Amino acid sequence: MSLENKEIIKCPECGQENDFIVWQSLNTDLNPEAKEQLLNGTLFRFKCANCGHESNVTYPILYHDMSNRLMIYFVKEDEIDEIKKMFEPDSQFGFAIEGYKRRIVTDQNSLREKAIIFDNGLDDRVVEIIKLMYFANLRRSNPEAKVEVAYFIVDNDEYQIHFLGETPLVAKLEVSFYKNIARDFASKIESSEDGYIVDMQWVLKLLSGK
């Protein structure tokens, strides 16, 4: 099921009160339009009906994609341990469904990224390995860009890595390269502890063998 609330948000620009939908839980099968808003980056966007001012609204959300057997919980960093307990098999909350991937993220871009990855039938662990490779190469070849973070997106069926920093950059990810990395790291990935947080730190731990 999905849980949504209509809340009143006062525009920071003109002070006009606006209705805004906040999703506590989003079931993509039941609310495909909201899923599409998440995938295209507009779910958290507030636009004032009076003056047109746009801003971002941040709130925790459980993203539940039944078709892809996926749950992603977007929470604050200080709530991670609590959510991990909720995801455990012996939890009373019922999130430990067999065959499901369960992920925890702490920013909206990561939530969108994970949703896009699984919606395209990809493995986020492979994507994170590739992102680290691209990230390291970019820092060596273009240090003046001062890249801080990278995100995977799909634009017109093209896989891309977007690098955010002083000089935003975009790199194309070939499908063949993804498949090669998935093949080359398959045994290491499958023998690793999956965990609920799969990011670059997870990759570093994977590659170090710790």
N, C-alpha and C. Protein backbone atom coordinates (compact mmCIF):
# COMPACT_ATOMS: atom_id res chain seq x y z
N MET A 1 0.83 -1.19 0.00
CA MET A 1 0.00 0.00 0.00
C MET A 1 0.87 1.25 0.00
N SER A 2 0.27 2.37 -0.39
CA SER A 2 0.95 3.65 -0.35
C SER A 2 0.33 4.50 0.75
N LEU A 3 1.14 5.33 1.36
CA LEU A 3 0.66 6.26 2.37
C LEU A 3 1.07 7.67 1.97
N GLU A 4 0.08 8.51 1.78
CA GLU A 4 0.36 9.89 1.38
C GLU A 4 -0.46 10.85 2.23
N ASN A 5 0.11 12.03 2.47
CA ASN A 5 -0.58 13.07 3.21
C ASN A 5 -0.53 14.37 2.43
N LYS A 6 -1.60 15.13 2.48
CA LYS A 6 -1.61 16.45 1.89
C LYS A 6 -1.23 17.45 2.97
N GLU A 7 -0.14 18.16 2.76
CA GLU A 7 0.33 19.13 3.73
C GLU A 7 0.31 20.54 3.13
N ILE A 8 0.28 21.51 4.01
CA ILE A 8 0.29 22.91 3.59
C ILE A 8 1.71 23.44 3.69
N ILE A 9 2.22 23.98 2.59
CA ILE A 9 3.56 24.56 2.56
C ILE A 9 3.44 26.03 2.22
N LYS A 10 4.04 26.87 3.03
CA LYS A 10 4.04 28.31 2.77
C LYS A 10 5.23 28.64 1.87
N CYS A 11 4.95 29.29 0.78
CA CYS A 11 6.00 29.64 -0.17
C CYS A 11 7.01 30.58 0.49
N PRO A 12 8.31 30.24 0.45
CA PRO A 12 9.33 31.09 1.07
C PRO A 12 9.53 32.41 0.32
N GLU A 13 8.97 32.49 -0.88
CA GLU A 13 9.16 33.70 -1.69
C GLU A 13 8.03 34.71 -1.47
N CYS A 14 6.77 34.24 -1.58
CA CYS A 14 5.64 35.18 -1.49
C CYS A 14 4.75 34.95 -0.27
N GLY A 15 4.94 33.83 0.44
CA GLY A 15 4.14 33.54 1.62
C GLY A 15 2.82 32.86 1.36
N GLN A 16 2.49 32.59 0.09
CA GLN A 16 1.24 31.91 -0.25
C GLN A 16 1.26 30.47 0.26
N GLU A 17 0.14 30.01 0.82
CA GLU A 17 0.02 28.63 1.26
C GLU A 17 -0.39 27.74 0.10
N ASN A 18 0.29 26.59 -0.03
CA ASN A 18 0.05 25.67 -1.13
C ASN A 18 -0.14 24.25 -0.59
N ASP A 19 -0.98 23.47 -1.27
CA ASP A 19 -1.09 22.05 -0.96
C ASP A 19 0.11 21.32 -1.55
N PHE A 20 0.63 20.35 -0.79
CA PHE A 20 1.77 19.57 -1.27
C PHE A 20 1.63 18.14 -0.77
N ILE A 21 1.81 17.17 -1.66
CA ILE A 21 1.68 15.75 -1.31
C ILE A 21 3.00 15.23 -0.75
N VAL A 22 2.93 14.66 0.45
CA VAL A 22 4.08 14.02 1.09
C VAL A 22 3.81 12.53 1.15
N TRP A 23 4.73 11.75 0.60
CA TRP A 23 4.58 10.30 0.57
C TRP A 23 5.38 9.67 1.69
N GLN A 24 4.68 9.02 2.63
CA GLN A 24 5.38 8.24 3.65
C GLN A 24 5.85 6.92 3.05
N SER A 25 5.00 6.34 2.21
CA SER A 25 5.30 5.09 1.53
C SER A 25 4.74 5.18 0.12
N LEU A 26 5.56 4.83 -0.86
CA LEU A 26 5.14 4.90 -2.26
C LEU A 26 5.24 3.52 -2.89
N ASN A 27 4.09 2.94 -3.20
CA ASN A 27 4.02 1.65 -3.89
C ASN A 27 3.90 1.95 -5.39
N THR A 28 4.92 1.57 -6.15
CA THR A 28 4.98 1.96 -7.56
C THR A 28 3.90 1.28 -8.40
N ASP A 29 3.45 0.10 -8.00
CA ASP A 29 2.39 -0.57 -8.75
C ASP A 29 1.06 0.13 -8.57
N LEU A 30 0.84 0.70 -7.40
CA LEU A 30 -0.41 1.37 -7.11
C LEU A 30 -0.40 2.83 -7.56
N ASN A 31 0.77 3.42 -7.60
CA ASN A 31 0.88 4.84 -7.95
C ASN A 31 1.99 5.06 -8.98
N PRO A 32 1.76 4.57 -10.20
CA PRO A 32 2.79 4.69 -11.24
C PRO A 32 3.14 6.14 -11.61
N GLU A 33 2.17 7.05 -11.47
CA GLU A 33 2.46 8.45 -11.80
C GLU A 33 3.46 9.03 -10.81
N ALA A 34 3.31 8.68 -9.53
CA ALA A 34 4.26 9.16 -8.52
C ALA A 34 5.63 8.53 -8.74
N LYS A 35 5.64 7.27 -9.16
CA LYS A 35 6.92 6.63 -9.49
C LYS A 35 7.62 7.40 -10.59
N GLU A 36 6.89 7.76 -11.63
CA GLU A 36 7.49 8.49 -12.74
C GLU A 36 8.02 9.85 -12.28
N GLN A 37 7.32 10.48 -11.35
CA GLN A 37 7.79 11.74 -10.80
C GLN A 37 9.11 11.57 -10.06
N LEU A 38 9.24 10.45 -9.35
CA LEU A 38 10.50 10.18 -8.67
C LEU A 38 11.62 9.95 -9.69
N LEU A 39 11.33 9.14 -10.72
CA LEU A 39 12.34 8.82 -11.72
C LEU A 39 12.80 10.06 -12.49
N ASN A 40 11.87 10.99 -12.74
CA ASN A 40 12.27 12.17 -13.50
C ASN A 40 12.70 13.34 -12.62
N GLY A 41 12.72 13.11 -11.31
CA GLY A 41 13.27 14.11 -10.40
C GLY A 41 12.33 15.20 -9.94
N THR A 42 11.01 14.99 -10.08
CA THR A 42 10.06 16.05 -9.72
C THR A 42 9.23 15.75 -8.47
N LEU A 43 9.37 14.55 -7.90
CA LEU A 43 8.50 14.17 -6.78
C LEU A 43 8.64 15.11 -5.58
N PHE A 44 9.85 15.55 -5.31
CA PHE A 44 10.09 16.40 -4.13
C PHE A 44 10.07 17.89 -4.47
N ARG A 45 9.70 18.22 -5.70
CA ARG A 45 9.76 19.61 -6.13
C ARG A 45 8.47 20.36 -5.78
N PHE A 46 8.64 21.48 -5.11
CA PHE A 46 7.52 22.36 -4.76
C PHE A 46 7.51 23.54 -5.71
N LYS A 47 6.33 23.85 -6.26
CA LYS A 47 6.17 25.02 -7.11
C LYS A 47 4.97 25.82 -6.64
N CYS A 48 5.21 27.05 -6.29
CA CYS A 48 4.15 27.90 -5.77
C CYS A 48 3.14 28.23 -6.87
N ALA A 49 1.86 28.03 -6.57
CA ALA A 49 0.81 28.31 -7.53
C ALA A 49 0.61 29.80 -7.74
N ASN A 50 1.11 30.61 -6.81
CA ASN A 50 0.93 32.05 -6.88
C ASN A 50 2.05 32.76 -7.64
N CYS A 51 3.30 32.49 -7.25
CA CYS A 51 4.42 33.23 -7.85
C CYS A 51 5.33 32.37 -8.71
N GLY A 52 5.13 31.03 -8.68
CA GLY A 52 5.94 30.15 -9.50
C GLY A 52 7.27 29.78 -8.90
N HIS A 53 7.54 30.21 -7.68
CA HIS A 53 8.82 29.88 -7.03
C HIS A 53 8.93 28.36 -6.86
N GLU A 54 10.12 27.82 -7.15
CA GLU A 54 10.35 26.39 -7.01
C GLU A 54 11.43 26.12 -5.97
N SER A 55 11.21 25.08 -5.19
CA SER A 55 12.20 24.67 -4.20
C SER A 55 12.03 23.17 -3.95
N ASN A 56 12.95 22.61 -3.21
CA ASN A 56 12.94 21.19 -2.93
C ASN A 56 12.42 20.93 -1.51
N VAL A 57 11.59 19.92 -1.37
CA VAL A 57 11.06 19.55 -0.06
C VAL A 57 11.64 18.18 0.31
N THR A 58 12.25 18.11 1.46
CA THR A 58 12.88 16.86 1.90
C THR A 58 12.07 16.20 3.00
N TYR A 59 11.81 14.91 2.84
CA TYR A 59 11.10 14.14 3.86
C TYR A 59 11.43 12.66 3.67
N PRO A 60 11.36 11.86 4.72
CA PRO A 60 11.65 10.42 4.60
C PRO A 60 10.56 9.71 3.81
N ILE A 61 10.97 8.69 3.06
CA ILE A 61 9.99 7.96 2.25
C ILE A 61 10.46 6.53 2.04
N LEU A 62 9.51 5.61 2.06
CA LEU A 62 9.79 4.22 1.71
C LEU A 62 9.31 4.00 0.29
N TYR A 63 10.24 3.68 -0.59
CA TYR A 63 9.93 3.42 -2.00
C TYR A 63 9.80 1.91 -2.17
N HIS A 64 8.63 1.45 -2.59
CA HIS A 64 8.35 0.03 -2.69
C HIS A 64 7.99 -0.32 -4.14
N ASP A 65 8.92 -0.96 -4.82
CA ASP A 65 8.71 -1.37 -6.21
C ASP A 65 8.46 -2.88 -6.22
N MET A 66 7.19 -3.25 -6.27
CA MET A 66 6.82 -4.66 -6.20
C MET A 66 7.28 -5.43 -7.44
N SER A 67 7.19 -4.79 -8.59
CA SER A 67 7.56 -5.46 -9.84
C SER A 67 9.03 -5.86 -9.85
N ASN A 68 9.87 -5.00 -9.31
CA ASN A 68 11.31 -5.27 -9.27
C ASN A 68 11.76 -5.81 -7.92
N ARG A 69 10.80 -6.10 -7.04
CA ARG A 69 11.09 -6.68 -5.72
C ARG A 69 12.16 -5.86 -5.00
N LEU A 70 11.81 -4.63 -4.74
CA LEU A 70 12.76 -3.66 -4.21
C LEU A 70 12.10 -2.75 -3.18
N MET A 71 12.84 -2.49 -2.09
CA MET A 71 12.45 -1.47 -1.13
C MET A 71 13.66 -0.56 -0.89
N ILE A 72 13.42 0.73 -0.98
CA ILE A 72 14.46 1.72 -0.68
C ILE A 72 13.90 2.68 0.35
N TYR A 73 14.62 2.83 1.44
CA TYR A 73 14.17 3.76 2.49
C TYR A 73 15.10 4.97 2.49
N PHE A 74 14.53 6.13 2.24
CA PHE A 74 15.27 7.39 2.29
C PHE A 74 15.05 8.01 3.66
N VAL A 75 16.14 8.12 4.44
CA VAL A 75 16.04 8.62 5.81
C VAL A 75 17.24 9.52 6.12
N LYS A 76 17.19 10.15 7.28
CA LYS A 76 18.33 10.92 7.76
C LYS A 76 19.42 9.96 8.25
N GLU A 77 20.65 10.44 8.26
CA GLU A 77 21.77 9.58 8.65
C GLU A 77 21.62 9.03 10.06
N ASP A 78 21.05 9.83 10.96
CA ASP A 78 20.93 9.36 12.34
C ASP A 78 19.79 8.36 12.52
N GLU A 79 19.08 8.04 11.44
CA GLU A 79 17.99 7.04 11.50
C GLU A 79 18.39 5.72 10.84
N ILE A 80 19.61 5.62 10.33
CA ILE A 80 20.04 4.43 9.60
C ILE A 80 19.95 3.17 10.45
N ASP A 81 20.47 3.22 11.66
CA ASP A 81 20.48 2.04 12.52
C ASP A 81 19.07 1.55 12.81
N GLU A 82 18.16 2.47 12.99
CA GLU A 82 16.76 2.09 13.26
C GLU A 82 16.15 1.37 12.06
N ILE A 83 16.42 1.88 10.85
CA ILE A 83 15.88 1.27 9.64
C ILE A 83 16.51 -0.09 9.39
N LYS A 84 17.80 -0.22 9.68
CA LYS A 84 18.47 -1.52 9.53
C LYS A 84 17.77 -2.59 10.36
N LYS A 85 17.40 -2.23 11.58
CA LYS A 85 16.69 -3.17 12.44
C LYS A 85 15.33 -3.54 11.85
N MET A 86 14.67 -2.57 11.24
CA MET A 86 13.36 -2.82 10.62
C MET A 86 13.48 -3.76 9.43
N PHE A 87 14.62 -3.75 8.76
CA PHE A 87 14.83 -4.59 7.59
C PHE A 87 15.27 -6.01 7.93
N GLU A 88 15.66 -6.24 9.16
CA GLU A 88 16.17 -7.55 9.55
C GLU A 88 15.06 -8.62 9.50
N PRO A 89 15.45 -9.89 9.22
CA PRO A 89 14.46 -10.97 9.08
C PRO A 89 13.55 -11.16 10.30
N ASP A 90 14.08 -10.89 11.50
CA ASP A 90 13.28 -11.10 12.70
C ASP A 90 12.49 -9.86 13.11
N SER A 91 12.47 -8.87 12.24
CA SER A 91 11.75 -7.64 12.55
C SER A 91 10.24 -7.87 12.50
N GLN A 92 9.51 -7.15 13.30
CA GLN A 92 8.05 -7.26 13.34
C GLN A 92 7.37 -6.39 12.28
N PHE A 93 8.16 -5.63 11.51
CA PHE A 93 7.58 -4.68 10.57
C PHE A 93 7.26 -5.28 9.20
N GLY A 94 7.71 -6.50 8.95
CA GLY A 94 7.33 -7.19 7.72
C GLY A 94 8.05 -6.74 6.47
N PHE A 95 9.24 -6.14 6.61
CA PHE A 95 10.00 -5.69 5.44
C PHE A 95 10.91 -6.77 4.87
N ALA A 96 11.16 -7.82 5.62
CA ALA A 96 12.10 -8.86 5.20
C ALA A 96 11.40 -9.88 4.31
N ILE A 97 10.98 -9.44 3.13
CA ILE A 97 10.29 -10.33 2.19
C ILE A 97 11.33 -11.07 1.36
N GLU A 98 11.17 -12.37 1.25
CA GLU A 98 12.14 -13.20 0.54
C GLU A 98 12.28 -12.75 -0.91
N GLY A 99 13.52 -12.65 -1.37
CA GLY A 99 13.79 -12.27 -2.75
C GLY A 99 13.84 -10.79 -3.00
N TYR A 100 13.62 -9.98 -1.97
CA TYR A 100 13.64 -8.53 -2.12
C TYR A 100 15.03 -7.96 -1.88
N LYS A 101 15.36 -6.93 -2.65
CA LYS A 101 16.52 -6.09 -2.35
C LYS A 101 16.05 -4.98 -1.43
N ARG A 102 16.82 -4.71 -0.38
CA ARG A 102 16.47 -3.65 0.55
C ARG A 102 17.66 -2.69 0.65
N ARG A 103 17.39 -1.43 0.45
CA ARG A 103 18.44 -0.43 0.44
C ARG A 103 18.06 0.74 1.35
N ILE A 104 19.09 1.39 1.88
CA ILE A 104 18.92 2.59 2.69
C ILE A 104 19.76 3.69 2.06
N VAL A 105 19.16 4.86 1.83
CA VAL A 105 19.88 6.00 1.28
C VAL A 105 19.59 7.23 2.15
N THR A 106 20.47 8.22 2.04
CA THR A 106 20.32 9.41 2.89
C THR A 106 20.24 10.71 2.10
N ASP A 107 20.04 10.61 0.79
CA ASP A 107 19.80 11.83 0.02
C ASP A 107 18.87 11.49 -1.15
N GLN A 108 18.18 12.50 -1.64
CA GLN A 108 17.16 12.30 -2.67
C GLN A 108 17.76 11.80 -3.98
N ASN A 109 18.94 12.30 -4.33
CA ASN A 109 19.58 11.86 -5.58
C ASN A 109 19.89 10.37 -5.55
N SER A 110 20.30 9.87 -4.39
CA SER A 110 20.60 8.45 -4.26
C SER A 110 19.33 7.61 -4.36
N LEU A 111 18.24 8.12 -3.80
CA LEU A 111 16.95 7.42 -3.92
C LEU A 111 16.55 7.31 -5.38
N ARG A 112 16.62 8.42 -6.08
CA ARG A 112 16.27 8.42 -7.50
C ARG A 112 17.21 7.50 -8.28
N GLU A 113 18.50 7.57 -7.99
CA GLU A 113 19.48 6.74 -8.68
C GLU A 113 19.18 5.25 -8.51
N LYS A 114 18.95 4.82 -7.27
CA LYS A 114 18.66 3.41 -7.02
C LYS A 114 17.40 2.98 -7.76
N ALA A 115 16.38 3.81 -7.73
CA ALA A 115 15.13 3.48 -8.40
C ALA A 115 15.35 3.33 -9.90
N ILE A 116 16.15 4.21 -10.50
CA ILE A 116 16.45 4.14 -11.93
C ILE A 116 17.24 2.88 -12.25
N ILE A 117 18.23 2.58 -11.43
CA ILE A 117 19.07 1.40 -11.66
C ILE A 117 18.22 0.13 -11.72
N PHE A 118 17.41 -0.09 -10.71
CA PHE A 118 16.61 -1.31 -10.66
C PHE A 118 15.49 -1.30 -11.69
N ASP A 119 14.97 -0.13 -12.01
CA ASP A 119 13.91 -0.04 -13.01
C ASP A 119 14.43 -0.41 -14.39
N ASN A 120 15.74 -0.30 -14.58
CA ASN A 120 16.36 -0.66 -15.85
C ASN A 120 16.98 -2.06 -15.81
N GLY A 121 16.66 -2.82 -14.77
CA GLY A 121 17.12 -4.19 -14.68
C GLY A 121 18.60 -4.34 -14.40
N LEU A 122 19.20 -3.33 -13.77
CA LEU A 122 20.63 -3.33 -13.48
C LEU A 122 20.89 -3.64 -12.01
N ASP A 123 22.15 -3.89 -11.69
CA ASP A 123 22.59 -4.20 -10.34
C ASP A 123 23.31 -2.98 -9.78
N ASP A 124 22.81 -2.44 -8.68
CA ASP A 124 23.43 -1.22 -8.14
C ASP A 124 24.85 -1.45 -7.65
N ARG A 125 25.19 -2.71 -7.30
CA ARG A 125 26.55 -3.01 -6.86
C ARG A 125 27.53 -2.86 -8.02
N VAL A 126 27.12 -3.32 -9.18
CA VAL A 126 27.96 -3.16 -10.38
C VAL A 126 28.09 -1.68 -10.74
N VAL A 127 26.98 -0.96 -10.68
CA VAL A 127 27.00 0.47 -11.00
C VAL A 127 27.93 1.22 -10.06
N GLU A 128 27.92 0.88 -8.78
CA GLU A 128 28.79 1.57 -7.83
C GLU A 128 30.26 1.29 -8.11
N ILE A 129 30.59 0.08 -8.54
CA ILE A 129 31.97 -0.24 -8.92
C ILE A 129 32.39 0.63 -10.11
N ILE A 130 31.52 0.73 -11.09
CA ILE A 130 31.82 1.53 -12.28
C ILE A 130 31.96 3.01 -11.92
N LYS A 131 31.08 3.50 -11.07
CA LYS A 131 31.16 4.90 -10.66
C LYS A 131 32.49 5.21 -10.00
N LEU A 132 32.96 4.29 -9.15
CA LEU A 132 34.25 4.50 -8.50
C LEU A 132 35.39 4.53 -9.52
N MET A 133 35.33 3.65 -10.51
CA MET A 133 36.35 3.64 -11.58
C MET A 133 36.35 4.97 -12.34
N TYR A 134 35.17 5.40 -12.74
CA TYR A 134 35.04 6.66 -13.47
C TYR A 134 35.51 7.83 -12.60
N PHE A 135 35.11 7.79 -11.35
CA PHE A 135 35.42 8.86 -10.40
C PHE A 135 36.94 9.00 -10.24
N ALA A 136 37.60 7.86 -10.03
CA ALA A 136 39.05 7.88 -9.84
C ALA A 136 39.76 8.36 -11.10
N ASN A 137 39.30 7.91 -12.25
CA ASN A 137 39.91 8.32 -13.51
C ASN A 137 39.73 9.80 -13.76
N LEU A 138 38.55 10.31 -13.46
CA LEU A 138 38.26 11.73 -13.67
C LEU A 138 39.11 12.60 -12.76
N ARG A 139 39.28 12.18 -11.53
CA ARG A 139 40.11 12.96 -10.61
C ARG A 139 41.57 13.02 -11.04
N ARG A 140 42.02 11.94 -11.69
CA ARG A 140 43.39 11.93 -12.21
C ARG A 140 43.53 12.80 -13.47
N SER A 141 42.56 12.66 -14.36
CA SER A 141 42.65 13.33 -15.66
C SER A 141 42.16 14.77 -15.65
N ASN A 142 41.28 15.09 -14.73
CA ASN A 142 40.69 16.44 -14.71
C ASN A 142 40.51 16.93 -13.27
N PRO A 143 41.60 17.08 -12.53
CA PRO A 143 41.49 17.45 -11.10
C PRO A 143 40.89 18.83 -10.87
N GLU A 144 40.99 19.71 -11.87
CA GLU A 144 40.45 21.06 -11.70
C GLU A 144 38.93 21.07 -11.62
N ALA A 145 38.30 19.98 -12.05
CA ALA A 145 36.84 19.91 -11.98
C ALA A 145 36.35 19.81 -10.54
N LYS A 146 37.22 19.31 -9.65
CA LYS A 146 36.89 19.18 -8.23
C LYS A 146 35.54 18.47 -8.03
N VAL A 147 35.47 17.29 -8.61
CA VAL A 147 34.25 16.48 -8.53
C VAL A 147 34.05 15.98 -7.11
N GLU A 148 32.82 16.06 -6.62
CA GLU A 148 32.51 15.67 -5.25
C GLU A 148 31.69 14.39 -5.17
N VAL A 149 30.79 14.20 -6.13
CA VAL A 149 29.90 13.05 -6.07
C VAL A 149 29.47 12.67 -7.48
N ALA A 150 29.07 11.41 -7.67
CA ALA A 150 28.64 10.94 -8.98
C ALA A 150 27.32 10.19 -8.85
N TYR A 151 26.46 10.34 -9.86
CA TYR A 151 25.18 9.65 -9.88
C TYR A 151 24.92 9.04 -11.26
N PHE A 152 24.30 7.89 -11.25
CA PHE A 152 23.91 7.21 -12.49
C PHE A 152 22.50 7.63 -12.87
N ILE A 153 22.28 7.94 -14.16
CA ILE A 153 20.93 8.21 -14.64
C ILE A 153 20.80 7.59 -16.03
N VAL A 154 19.57 7.53 -16.52
CA VAL A 154 19.30 7.09 -17.88
C VAL A 154 18.61 8.25 -18.59
N ASP A 155 19.19 8.68 -19.70
CA ASP A 155 18.65 9.80 -20.46
C ASP A 155 18.43 9.34 -21.90
N ASN A 156 17.16 9.26 -22.31
CA ASN A 156 16.82 8.79 -23.66
C ASN A 156 17.48 7.45 -23.96
N ASP A 157 17.34 6.54 -23.01
CA ASP A 157 17.86 5.17 -23.12
C ASP A 157 19.39 5.10 -23.10
N GLU A 158 20.06 6.19 -22.82
CA GLU A 158 21.52 6.19 -22.72
C GLU A 158 21.94 6.20 -21.26
N TYR A 159 22.84 5.28 -20.89
CA TYR A 159 23.35 5.24 -19.53
C TYR A 159 24.40 6.33 -19.35
N GLN A 160 24.27 7.09 -18.27
CA GLN A 160 25.19 8.19 -18.03
C GLN A 160 25.61 8.24 -16.57
N ILE A 161 26.83 8.74 -16.33
CA ILE A 161 27.30 9.06 -14.99
C ILE A 161 27.41 10.58 -14.91
N HIS A 162 26.68 11.18 -13.98
CA HIS A 162 26.74 12.63 -13.79
C HIS A 162 27.63 12.95 -12.59
N PHE A 163 28.63 13.77 -12.82
CA PHE A 163 29.57 14.16 -11.77
C PHE A 163 29.23 15.59 -11.33
N LEU A 164 29.05 15.76 -10.03
CA LEU A 164 28.71 17.07 -9.49
C LEU A 164 29.91 17.64 -8.75
N GLY A 165 30.16 18.91 -8.97
CA GLY A 165 31.29 19.60 -8.34
C GLY A 165 31.37 21.00 -8.88
N GLU A 166 32.54 21.60 -8.83
CA GLU A 166 32.69 22.96 -9.35
C GLU A 166 32.41 23.01 -10.85
N THR A 167 32.77 21.93 -11.56
CA THR A 167 32.50 21.83 -12.99
C THR A 167 31.72 20.55 -13.26
N PRO A 168 30.39 20.61 -13.29
CA PRO A 168 29.58 19.41 -13.54
C PRO A 168 29.95 18.77 -14.88
N LEU A 169 30.05 17.45 -14.89
CA LEU A 169 30.43 16.72 -16.09
C LEU A 169 29.51 15.50 -16.27
N VAL A 170 29.42 15.04 -17.50
CA VAL A 170 28.62 13.86 -17.82
C VAL A 170 29.47 12.90 -18.64
N ALA A 171 29.44 11.62 -18.27
CA ALA A 171 30.15 10.59 -19.01
C ALA A 171 29.16 9.52 -19.44
N LYS A 172 29.31 9.04 -20.67
CA LYS A 172 28.45 7.98 -21.18
C LYS A 172 28.96 6.63 -20.68
N LEU A 173 28.02 5.78 -20.28
CA LEU A 173 28.36 4.43 -19.83
C LEU A 173 27.86 3.44 -20.87
N GLU A 174 28.79 2.78 -21.53
CA GLU A 174 28.42 1.79 -22.54
C GLU A 174 27.85 0.54 -21.88
N VAL A 175 26.81 0.01 -22.48
CA VAL A 175 26.18 -1.22 -21.97
C VAL A 175 27.19 -2.36 -21.94
N SER A 176 28.05 -2.42 -22.94
CA SER A 176 29.05 -3.48 -23.00
C SER A 176 30.02 -3.40 -21.83
N PHE A 177 30.36 -2.17 -21.43
CA PHE A 177 31.27 -2.00 -20.30
C PHE A 177 30.60 -2.45 -19.01
N TYR A 178 29.33 -2.11 -18.85
CA TYR A 178 28.59 -2.56 -17.67
C TYR A 178 28.59 -4.09 -17.60
N LYS A 179 28.32 -4.73 -18.73
CA LYS A 179 28.26 -6.20 -18.76
C LYS A 179 29.62 -6.81 -18.43
N ASN A 180 30.70 -6.20 -18.92
CA ASN A 180 32.04 -6.71 -18.63
C ASN A 180 32.37 -6.62 -17.15
N ILE A 181 32.02 -5.50 -16.53
CA ILE A 181 32.30 -5.33 -15.10
C ILE A 181 31.44 -6.30 -14.28
N ALA A 182 30.19 -6.47 -14.68
CA ALA A 182 29.30 -7.41 -13.99
C ALA A 182 29.88 -8.82 -14.05
N ARG A 183 30.43 -9.18 -15.20
CA ARG A 183 31.02 -10.51 -15.36
C ARG A 183 32.31 -10.65 -14.55
N ASP A 184 33.19 -9.64 -14.66
CA ASP A 184 34.51 -9.72 -14.01
C ASP A 184 34.43 -9.71 -12.49
N PHE A 185 33.41 -9.06 -11.96
CA PHE A 185 33.30 -8.93 -10.50
C PHE A 185 32.20 -9.82 -9.92
N ALA A 186 31.62 -10.67 -10.73
CA ALA A 186 30.48 -11.47 -10.28
C ALA A 186 30.77 -12.28 -9.03
N SER A 187 31.87 -13.00 -9.03
CA SER A 187 32.17 -13.87 -7.89
C SER A 187 32.44 -13.06 -6.63
N LYS A 188 33.16 -11.95 -6.79
CA LYS A 188 33.46 -11.11 -5.63
C LYS A 188 32.20 -10.47 -5.06
N ILE A 189 31.32 -10.03 -5.96
CA ILE A 189 30.07 -9.41 -5.53
C ILE A 189 29.20 -10.43 -4.79
N GLU A 190 29.03 -11.61 -5.36
CA GLU A 190 28.14 -12.60 -4.77
C GLU A 190 28.67 -13.16 -3.45
N SER A 191 29.98 -13.12 -3.26
CA SER A 191 30.55 -13.64 -2.02
C SER A 191 30.66 -12.56 -0.95
N SER A 192 30.31 -11.33 -1.32
CA SER A 192 30.40 -10.22 -0.36
C SER A 192 29.12 -10.10 0.45
N GLU A 193 29.21 -9.36 1.51
CA GLU A 193 28.02 -9.05 2.30
C GLU A 193 27.27 -7.94 1.59
N ASP A 194 26.04 -8.22 1.19
CA ASP A 194 25.27 -7.25 0.41
C ASP A 194 25.01 -5.98 1.22
N GLY A 195 24.44 -6.16 2.38
CA GLY A 195 24.16 -5.00 3.22
C GLY A 195 23.00 -4.18 2.68
N TYR A 196 22.64 -3.15 3.42
CA TYR A 196 21.53 -2.29 3.04
C TYR A 196 22.00 -0.97 2.44
N ILE A 197 23.28 -0.66 2.63
CA ILE A 197 23.84 0.58 2.08
C ILE A 197 24.90 0.19 1.05
N VAL A 198 24.58 0.42 -0.20
CA VAL A 198 25.50 0.10 -1.29
C VAL A 198 25.91 1.41 -1.95
N ASP A 199 27.12 1.85 -1.63
CA ASP A 199 27.64 3.10 -2.15
C ASP A 199 29.13 2.93 -2.42
N MET A 200 29.86 4.03 -2.61
CA MET A 200 31.29 3.92 -2.90
C MET A 200 32.07 3.36 -1.72
N GLN A 201 31.62 3.64 -0.52
CA GLN A 201 32.29 3.06 0.64
C GLN A 201 32.12 1.55 0.65
N TRP A 202 30.98 1.08 0.21
CA TRP A 202 30.75 -0.36 0.09
C TRP A 202 31.72 -0.97 -0.93
N VAL A 203 31.94 -0.25 -2.04
CA VAL A 203 32.86 -0.74 -3.07
C VAL A 203 34.29 -0.80 -2.54
N LEU A 204 34.71 0.23 -1.82
CA LEU A 204 36.07 0.25 -1.26
C LEU A 204 36.27 -0.94 -0.32
N LYS A 205 35.26 -1.22 0.47
CA LYS A 205 35.33 -2.37 1.37
C LYS A 205 35.38 -3.68 0.59
N LEU A 206 34.60 -3.74 -0.48
CA LEU A 206 34.58 -4.92 -1.34
C LEU A 206 35.95 -5.18 -1.96
N LEU A 207 36.56 -4.13 -2.49
CA LEU A 207 37.84 -4.27 -3.18
C LEU A 207 38.99 -4.53 -2.24
N SER A 208 38.86 -4.07 -1.00
CA SER A 208 39.92 -4.29 0.00
C SER A 208 39.86 -5.68 0.61
N GLY A 209 38.71 -6.34 0.41
CA GLY A 209 38.53 -7.68 0.95
C GLY A 209 38.22 -7.71 2.41
N LYS A 210 37.83 -6.58 2.99
CA LYS A 210 37.53 -6.53 4.41
C LYS A 210 36.05 -6.81 4.66
